[in-house]
């Protein structure tokens, strides 16, 4: 039986290792089978992701870190989400430190990569600039899609291809520090991404002050 196993083609071992791969390492590569399809989420955003000041205002935490572990996926909140463990190397805003859990919308389901349009799943071993909102209930940081997971240069060793070319870390740092200094406060109940209007609100019609009628003092009686 042992001899029969050792004479099997090497692709059997590749198949077993590919099936064990976590989504963050890229789509499973199976010999003679086409790569998984990609499904893009076209959700609306309440912030202007092209405006760094709006991104900085929406994020509770902004930091540099490297993906060190893929923790799996969940749909318990009604949508596919994936969690990754990231080692924080530098903090620009917030309190993130050490190893933290970052939550990303999307994942791999039924051999289909599901991800926000213009984004990609975090890659194991890659360093990123992360802009995210902390959830106390979940104890994780949900990143802002596209603008909140910027691949950067550094000492990372990606385990899969990163489709977006890593940007210079120093340039990204300078850009985000400037954005934090000019950040636009996040307003969940309304649109953000534009500077707040300085036009004073129209005042209500003035009401003349009410005056009381003079009260005559009682006349003395004899």
C-alpha atoms as a PDB file:
ATOM      1  CA  UNK A   1       0.000   0.000   0.000  1.00  0.00           C
ATOM      2  CA  UNK A   2       2.871   2.325   0.845  1.00  0.00           C
ATOM      3  CA  UNK A   3       4.568   1.628  -2.487  1.00  0.00           C
ATOM      4  CA  UNK A   4       1.344   2.331  -4.343  1.00  0.00           C
ATOM      5  CA  UNK A   5       1.051   5.733  -2.613  1.00  0.00           C
ATOM      6  CA  UNK A   6       4.616   6.770  -3.395  1.00  0.00           C
ATOM      7  CA  UNK A   7       4.102   6.074  -7.085  1.00  0.00           C
ATOM      8  CA  UNK A   8       1.061   8.344  -7.392  1.00  0.00           C
ATOM      9  CA  UNK A   9       1.582  11.502  -9.456  1.00  0.00           C
ATOM     10  CA  UNK A  10       2.793  14.543  -7.551  1.00  0.00           C
ATOM     11  CA  UNK A  11      -0.436  16.329  -8.390  1.00  0.00           C
ATOM     12  CA  UNK A  12      -2.199  14.327  -5.640  1.00  0.00           C
ATOM     13  CA  UNK A  13      -0.072  16.052  -3.033  1.00  0.00           C
ATOM     14  CA  UNK A  14      -0.673  19.397  -4.710  1.00  0.00           C
ATOM     15  CA  UNK A  15      -4.405  18.800  -4.630  1.00  0.00           C
ATOM     16  CA  UNK A  16      -4.375  18.043  -0.892  1.00  0.00           C
ATOM     17  CA  UNK A  17      -2.274  21.103  -0.070  1.00  0.00           C
ATOM     18  CA  UNK A  18      -4.407  23.355  -2.276  1.00  0.00           C
ATOM     19  CA  UNK A  19      -7.592  22.228  -0.522  1.00  0.00           C
ATOM     20  CA  UNK A  20      -6.019  23.121   2.842  1.00  0.00           C
ATOM     21  CA  UNK A  21      -5.057  26.626   1.794  1.00  0.00           C
ATOM     22  CA  UNK A  22      -6.835  29.474   3.513  1.00  0.00           C
ATOM     23  CA  UNK A  23      -8.625  32.081   1.343  1.00  0.00           C
ATOM     24  CA  UNK A  24      -6.049  34.746   2.114  1.00  0.00           C
ATOM     25  CA  UNK A  25      -3.335  32.739   0.342  1.00  0.00           C
ATOM     26  CA  UNK A  26      -5.200  33.156  -2.907  1.00  0.00           C
ATOM     27  CA  UNK A  27      -7.673  30.935  -4.756  1.00  0.00           C
ATOM     28  CA  UNK A  28      -6.948  27.187  -4.433  1.00  0.00           C
ATOM     29  CA  UNK A  29      -4.844  26.038  -7.379  1.00  0.00           C
ATOM     30  CA  UNK A  30      -5.968  22.642  -8.589  1.00  0.00           C
ATOM     31  CA  UNK A  31      -4.256  21.040 -11.627  1.00  0.00           C
ATOM     32  CA  UNK A  32      -6.345  21.040 -14.822  1.00  0.00           C
ATOM     33  CA  UNK A  33      -9.116  23.049 -13.149  1.00  0.00           C
ATOM     34  CA  UNK A  34      -9.707  26.698 -14.007  1.00  0.00           C
ATOM     35  CA  UNK A  35      -9.098  29.305 -11.302  1.00  0.00           C
ATOM     36  CA  UNK A  36     -12.152  30.372  -9.263  1.00  0.00           C
ATOM     37  CA  UNK A  37     -14.283  33.170 -10.555  1.00  0.00           C
ATOM     38  CA  UNK A  38     -14.424  36.552  -8.851  1.00  0.00           C
ATOM     39  CA  UNK A  39     -17.662  38.173  -7.793  1.00  0.00           C
ATOM     40  CA  UNK A  40     -17.531  41.887  -7.018  1.00  0.00           C
ATOM     41  CA  UNK A  41     -19.718  43.608  -4.463  1.00  0.00           C
ATOM     42  CA  UNK A  42     -20.999  46.969  -5.649  1.00  0.00           C
ATOM     43  CA  UNK A  43     -22.160  48.420  -2.367  1.00  0.00           C
ATOM     44  CA  UNK A  44     -22.674  52.116  -1.866  1.00  0.00           C
ATOM     45  CA  UNK A  45     -20.385  54.002   0.474  1.00  0.00           C
ATOM     46  CA  UNK A  46     -21.321  56.738   2.910  1.00  0.00           C
ATOM     47  CA  UNK A  47     -17.875  58.303   2.503  1.00  0.00           C
ATOM     48  CA  UNK A  48     -15.820  59.468  -0.450  1.00  0.00           C
ATOM     49  CA  UNK A  49     -13.116  56.800  -0.598  1.00  0.00           C
ATOM     50  CA  UNK A  50     -11.130  58.963  -3.013  1.00  0.00           C
ATOM     51  CA  UNK A  51     -10.818  61.680  -0.366  1.00  0.00           C
ATOM     52  CA  UNK A  52      -8.097  60.744   2.166  1.00  0.00           C
ATOM     53  CA  UNK A  53      -9.450  63.302   4.648  1.00  0.00           C
ATOM     54  CA  UNK A  54     -12.860  61.592   4.560  1.00  0.00           C
ATOM     55  CA  UNK A  55     -11.242  58.164   5.008  1.00  0.00           C
ATOM     56  CA  UNK A  56      -9.203  59.453   7.947  1.00  0.00           C
ATOM     57  CA  UNK A  57     -12.311  60.891   9.553  1.00  0.00           C
ATOM     58  CA  UNK A  58     -14.290  57.662   9.151  1.00  0.00           C
ATOM     59  CA  UNK A  59     -11.522  55.457  10.569  1.00  0.00           C
ATOM     60  CA  UNK A  60     -11.162  55.064  14.315  1.00  0.00           C
ATOM     61  CA  UNK A  61      -7.726  53.542  13.766  1.00  0.00           C
ATOM     62  CA  UNK A  62      -5.048  53.879  11.098  1.00  0.00           C
ATOM     63  CA  UNK A  63      -1.896  51.780  11.290  1.00  0.00           C
ATOM     64  CA  UNK A  64       0.744  49.818   9.384  1.00  0.00           C
ATOM     65  CA  UNK A  65       0.871  46.069   9.841  1.00  0.00           C
ATOM     66  CA  UNK A  66       1.616  42.708   8.262  1.00  0.00           C
ATOM     67  CA  UNK A  67      -0.901  39.898   7.769  1.00  0.00           C
ATOM     68  CA  UNK A  68       0.338  36.944   9.819  1.00  0.00           C
ATOM     69  CA  UNK A  69      -2.694  34.635   9.854  1.00  0.00           C
ATOM     70  CA  UNK A  70      -5.953  33.916   8.084  1.00  0.00           C
ATOM     71  CA  UNK A  71      -8.596  33.210  10.731  1.00  0.00           C
ATOM     72  CA  UNK A  72     -11.451  32.077   8.476  1.00  0.00           C
ATOM     73  CA  UNK A  73     -14.774  33.499   7.341  1.00  0.00           C
ATOM     74  CA  UNK A  74     -18.246  33.968   8.744  1.00  0.00           C
ATOM     75  CA  UNK A  75     -21.699  34.934   7.532  1.00  0.00           C
ATOM     76  CA  UNK A  76     -23.283  35.309  10.944  1.00  0.00           C
ATOM     77  CA  UNK A  77     -23.907  39.015  10.364  1.00  0.00           C
ATOM     78  CA  UNK A  78     -25.799  38.326   7.132  1.00  0.00           C
ATOM     79  CA  UNK A  79     -22.874  38.836   4.747  1.00  0.00           C
ATOM     80  CA  UNK A  80     -19.639  37.041   3.927  1.00  0.00           C
ATOM     81  CA  UNK A  81     -16.745  38.428   5.989  1.00  0.00           C
ATOM     82  CA  UNK A  82     -13.172  37.226   6.525  1.00  0.00           C
ATOM     83  CA  UNK A  83     -10.926  37.780   9.520  1.00  0.00           C
ATOM     84  CA  UNK A  84      -7.156  38.175   9.537  1.00  0.00           C
ATOM     85  CA  UNK A  85      -4.598  38.550  12.289  1.00  0.00           C
ATOM     86  CA  UNK A  86      -2.307  41.527  11.680  1.00  0.00           C
ATOM     87  CA  UNK A  87       0.844  42.465  13.571  1.00  0.00           C
ATOM     88  CA  UNK A  88       0.814  46.238  14.059  1.00  0.00           C
ATOM     89  CA  UNK A  89       4.174  47.835  13.318  1.00  0.00           C
ATOM     90  CA  UNK A  90       3.296  51.533  13.423  1.00  0.00           C
ATOM     91  CA  UNK A  91       0.250  53.439  14.626  1.00  0.00           C
ATOM     92  CA  UNK A  92      -0.886  56.722  13.062  1.00  0.00           C
ATOM     93  CA  UNK A  93      -4.304  57.071  14.719  1.00  0.00           C
ATOM     94  CA  UNK A  94      -6.206  55.215  17.435  1.00  0.00           C
ATOM     95  CA  UNK A  95      -5.084  52.590  19.937  1.00  0.00           C
ATOM     96  CA  UNK A  96      -4.327  49.486  17.862  1.00  0.00           C
ATOM     97  CA  UNK A  97      -1.212  47.709  19.110  1.00  0.00           C
ATOM     98  CA  UNK A  98       0.360  44.274  19.024  1.00  0.00           C
ATOM     99  CA  UNK A  99      -1.574  41.617  17.146  1.00  0.00           C
ATOM    100  CA  UNK A 100      -5.136  42.595  16.210  1.00  0.00           C
ATOM    101  CA  UNK A 101      -8.005  41.035  14.269  1.00  0.00           C
ATOM    102  CA  UNK A 102      -8.992  42.828  11.075  1.00  0.00           C
ATOM    103  CA  UNK A 103     -12.338  42.082   9.480  1.00  0.00           C
ATOM    104  CA  UNK A 104     -12.813  42.404   5.709  1.00  0.00           C
ATOM    105  CA  UNK A 105     -16.033  42.114   3.769  1.00  0.00           C
ATOM    106  CA  UNK A 106     -15.781  39.217   1.324  1.00  0.00           C
ATOM    107  CA  UNK A 107     -14.063  35.857   1.189  1.00  0.00           C
ATOM    108  CA  UNK A 108     -14.147  32.617  -0.793  1.00  0.00           C
ATOM    109  CA  UNK A 109     -17.434  30.752  -1.152  1.00  0.00           C
ATOM    110  CA  UNK A 110     -18.264  27.883  -3.502  1.00  0.00           C
ATOM    111  CA  UNK A 111     -14.906  28.407  -5.258  1.00  0.00           C
ATOM    112  CA  UNK A 112     -15.804  32.015  -5.975  1.00  0.00           C
ATOM    113  CA  UNK A 113     -13.797  34.936  -4.627  1.00  0.00           C
ATOM    114  CA  UNK A 114     -16.192  37.550  -3.271  1.00  0.00           C
ATOM    115  CA  UNK A 115     -14.725  41.004  -2.734  1.00  0.00           C
ATOM    116  CA  UNK A 116     -15.595  44.695  -2.924  1.00  0.00           C
ATOM    117  CA  UNK A 117     -15.249  46.204  -6.398  1.00  0.00           C
ATOM    118  CA  UNK A 118     -11.737  47.615  -6.787  1.00  0.00           C
ATOM    119  CA  UNK A 119     -10.429  45.683  -3.789  1.00  0.00           C
ATOM    120  CA  UNK A 120      -8.850  42.288  -3.143  1.00  0.00           C
ATOM    121  CA  UNK A 121      -8.625  39.960  -0.168  1.00  0.00           C
ATOM    122  CA  UNK A 122      -5.757  40.597   2.195  1.00  0.00           C
ATOM    123  CA  UNK A 123      -2.698  38.507   1.354  1.00  0.00           C
ATOM    124  CA  UNK A 124      -0.814  36.522   3.968  1.00  0.00           C
ATOM    125  CA  UNK A 125       2.661  37.970   4.515  1.00  0.00           C
ATOM    126  CA  UNK A 126       1.907  41.327   2.876  1.00  0.00           C
ATOM    127  CA  UNK A 127       2.254  44.638   4.728  1.00  0.00           C
ATOM    128  CA  UNK A 128      -0.560  47.188   4.536  1.00  0.00           C
ATOM    129  CA  UNK A 129      -1.686  50.609   5.615  1.00  0.00           C
ATOM    130  CA  UNK A 130      -4.936  49.765   7.393  1.00  0.00           C
ATOM    131  CA  UNK A 131      -7.733  52.304   7.959  1.00  0.00           C
ATOM    132  CA  UNK A 132     -10.547  50.699   9.911  1.00  0.00           C
ATOM    133  CA  UNK A 133     -13.342  51.170  12.419  1.00  0.00           C
ATOM    134  CA  UNK A 134     -13.095  49.326  15.720  1.00  0.00           C
ATOM    135  CA  UNK A 135     -16.051  47.241  16.894  1.00  0.00           C
ATOM    136  CA  UNK A 136     -16.128  46.762  20.645  1.00  0.00           C
ATOM    137  CA  UNK A 137     -18.815  44.072  20.348  1.00  0.00           C
ATOM    138  CA  UNK A 138     -16.790  41.962  17.896  1.00  0.00           C
ATOM    139  CA  UNK A 139     -13.372  43.037  19.204  1.00  0.00           C
ATOM    140  CA  UNK A 140     -12.064  43.538  15.691  1.00  0.00           C
ATOM    141  CA  UNK A 141     -11.272  46.291  13.196  1.00  0.00           C
ATOM    142  CA  UNK A 142     -13.431  46.392  10.058  1.00  0.00           C
ATOM    143  CA  UNK A 143     -11.363  47.943   7.299  1.00  0.00           C
ATOM    144  CA  UNK A 144     -12.673  50.568   4.911  1.00  0.00           C
ATOM    145  CA  UNK A 145     -12.766  48.870   1.473  1.00  0.00           C
ATOM    146  CA  UNK A 146     -10.184  49.847  -1.175  1.00  0.00           C
ATOM    147  CA  UNK A 147      -8.907  52.989   0.577  1.00  0.00           C
ATOM    148  CA  UNK A 148      -8.407  51.232   3.907  1.00  0.00           C
ATOM    149  CA  UNK A 149      -6.104  48.387   2.863  1.00  0.00           C
ATOM    150  CA  UNK A 150      -3.219  49.841   0.869  1.00  0.00           C
ATOM    151  CA  UNK A 151      -0.356  47.400   0.125  1.00  0.00           C
ATOM    152  CA  UNK A 152       2.965  49.002   1.075  1.00  0.00           C
ATOM    153  CA  UNK A 153       6.618  48.198   0.672  1.00  0.00           C
ATOM    154  CA  UNK A 154       8.484  46.745   3.615  1.00  0.00           C
ATOM    155  CA  UNK A 155       9.848  43.506   4.969  1.00  0.00           C
ATOM    156  CA  UNK A 156       6.800  41.471   3.982  1.00  0.00           C
ATOM    157  CA  UNK A 157       6.953  38.211   2.076  1.00  0.00           C
ATOM    158  CA  UNK A 158       3.579  37.750   0.356  1.00  0.00           C
ATOM    159  CA  UNK A 159       2.346  34.171   0.020  1.00  0.00           C
ATOM    160  CA  UNK A 160       0.357  35.027  -3.101  1.00  0.00           C
ATOM    161  CA  UNK A 161       0.312  37.599  -5.862  1.00  0.00           C
ATOM    162  CA  UNK A 162      -0.792  41.072  -4.816  1.00  0.00           C
ATOM    163  CA  UNK A 163      -2.763  42.547  -7.692  1.00  0.00           C
ATOM    164  CA  UNK A 164      -2.329  46.127  -6.549  1.00  0.00           C
ATOM    165  CA  UNK A 165       1.348  47.164  -6.687  1.00  0.00           C
ATOM    166  CA  UNK A 166       2.635  48.008  -3.175  1.00  0.00           C
ATOM    167  CA  UNK A 167       3.118  51.726  -2.626  1.00  0.00           C
ATOM    168  CA  UNK A 168       6.114  53.354  -0.969  1.00  0.00           C
ATOM    169  CA  UNK A 169       5.553  53.170   2.774  1.00  0.00           C
ATOM    170  CA  UNK A 170       7.065  56.593   3.512  1.00  0.00           C
ATOM    171  CA  UNK A 171       4.899  58.290   0.892  1.00  0.00           C
ATOM    172  CA  UNK A 172       1.765  56.583   2.212  1.00  0.00           C
ATOM    173  CA  UNK A 173       2.673  57.623   5.766  1.00  0.00           C
ATOM    174  CA  UNK A 174       3.101  61.274   4.759  1.00  0.00           C
ATOM    175  CA  UNK A 175      -0.167  61.230   2.828  1.00  0.00           C
ATOM    176  CA  UNK A 176      -2.139  59.737   5.706  1.00  0.00           C
ATOM    177  CA  UNK A 177      -0.627  62.033   8.327  1.00  0.00           C
ATOM    178  CA  UNK A 178      -1.711  64.988   6.214  1.00  0.00           C
ATOM    179  CA  UNK A 179      -5.186  63.458   5.829  1.00  0.00           C
ATOM    180  CA  UNK A 180      -5.472  62.919   9.590  1.00  0.00           C
ATOM    181  CA  UNK A 181      -4.571  66.568  10.182  1.00  0.00           C
ATOM    182  CA  UNK A 182      -7.385  67.581   7.797  1.00  0.00           C
ATOM    183  CA  UNK A 183      -9.819  64.780   8.581  1.00  0.00           C
ATOM    184  CA  UNK A 184     -13.510  65.278   7.949  1.00  0.00           C
ATOM    185  CA  UNK A 185     -15.615  64.089  10.902  1.00  0.00           C
ATOM    186  CA  UNK A 186     -17.658  61.006  10.113  1.00  0.00           C
ATOM    187  CA  UNK A 187     -21.427  61.530  10.161  1.00  0.00           C
ATOM    188  CA  UNK A 188     -23.211  58.138   9.944  1.00  0.00           C
ATOM    189  CA  UNK A 189     -26.616  59.739   9.461  1.00  0.00           C
ATOM    190  CA  UNK A 190     -25.564  61.730   6.398  1.00  0.00           C
ATOM    191  CA  UNK A 191     -23.096  61.843   3.546  1.00  0.00           C
ATOM    192  CA  UNK A 192     -19.475  62.593   4.277  1.00  0.00           C
ATOM    193  CA  UNK A 193     -16.474  63.287   2.109  1.00  0.00           C
ATOM    194  CA  UNK A 194     -17.057  66.994   1.726  1.00  0.00           C
ATOM    195  CA  UNK A 195     -16.092  69.720   4.091  1.00  0.00           C
ATOM    196  CA  UNK A 196     -18.896  70.828   6.377  1.00  0.00           C
ATOM    197  CA  UNK A 197     -20.795  73.839   5.132  1.00  0.00           C
ATOM    198  CA  UNK A 198     -19.982  77.114   6.814  1.00  0.00           C
ATOM    199  CA  UNK A 199     -23.179  78.793   5.657  1.00  0.00           C
ATOM    200  CA  UNK A 200     -25.100  79.798   8.745  1.00  0.00           C
ATOM    201  CA  UNK A 201     -28.505  78.241   9.157  1.00  0.00           C
ATOM    202  CA  UNK A 202     -31.364  80.629   8.440  1.00  0.00           C
ATOM    203  CA  UNK A 203     -32.614  82.221  11.587  1.00  0.00           C
ATOM    204  CA  UNK A 204     -36.235  82.094  12.531  1.00  0.00           C
ATOM    205  CA  UNK A 205     -38.251  85.314  12.257  1.00  0.00           C
ATOM    206  CA  UNK A 206     -37.499  87.550  15.139  1.00  0.00           C
ATOM    207  CA  UNK A 207     -40.201  87.826  17.726  1.00  0.00           C
ATOM    208  CA  UNK A 208     -40.466  91.144  19.522  1.00  0.00           C
ATOM    209  CA  UNK A 209     -39.922  90.763  23.230  1.00  0.00           C
ATOM    210  CA  UNK A 210     -43.101  90.596  25.179  1.00  0.00           C
ATOM    211  CA  UNK A 211     -43.569  93.262  27.782  1.00  0.00           C
ATOM    212  CA  UNK A 212     -45.905  93.050  30.685  1.00  0.00           C
ATOM    213  CA  UNK A 213     -48.435  95.764  31.266  1.00  0.00           C
ATOM    214  CA  UNK A 214     -47.560  98.081  34.117  1.00  0.00           C
ATOM    215  CA  UNK A 215     -49.367  97.232  37.289  1.00  0.00           C
ATOM    216  CA  UNK A 216     -50.619 100.186  39.222  1.00  0.00           C
ATOM    217  CA  UNK A 217     -49.826 100.220  42.877  1.00  0.00           C
ATOM    218  CA  UNK A 218     -52.911 100.033  45.064  1.00  0.00           C
ATOM    219  CA  UNK A 219     -54.195 103.436  46.128  1.00  0.00           C
ATOM    220  CA  UNK A 220     -53.931 104.050  49.826  1.00  0.00           C
ATOM    221  CA  UNK A 221     -57.230 104.032  51.666  1.00  0.00           C
ATOM    222  CA  UNK A 222     -58.111 106.528  54.214  1.00  0.00           C
END
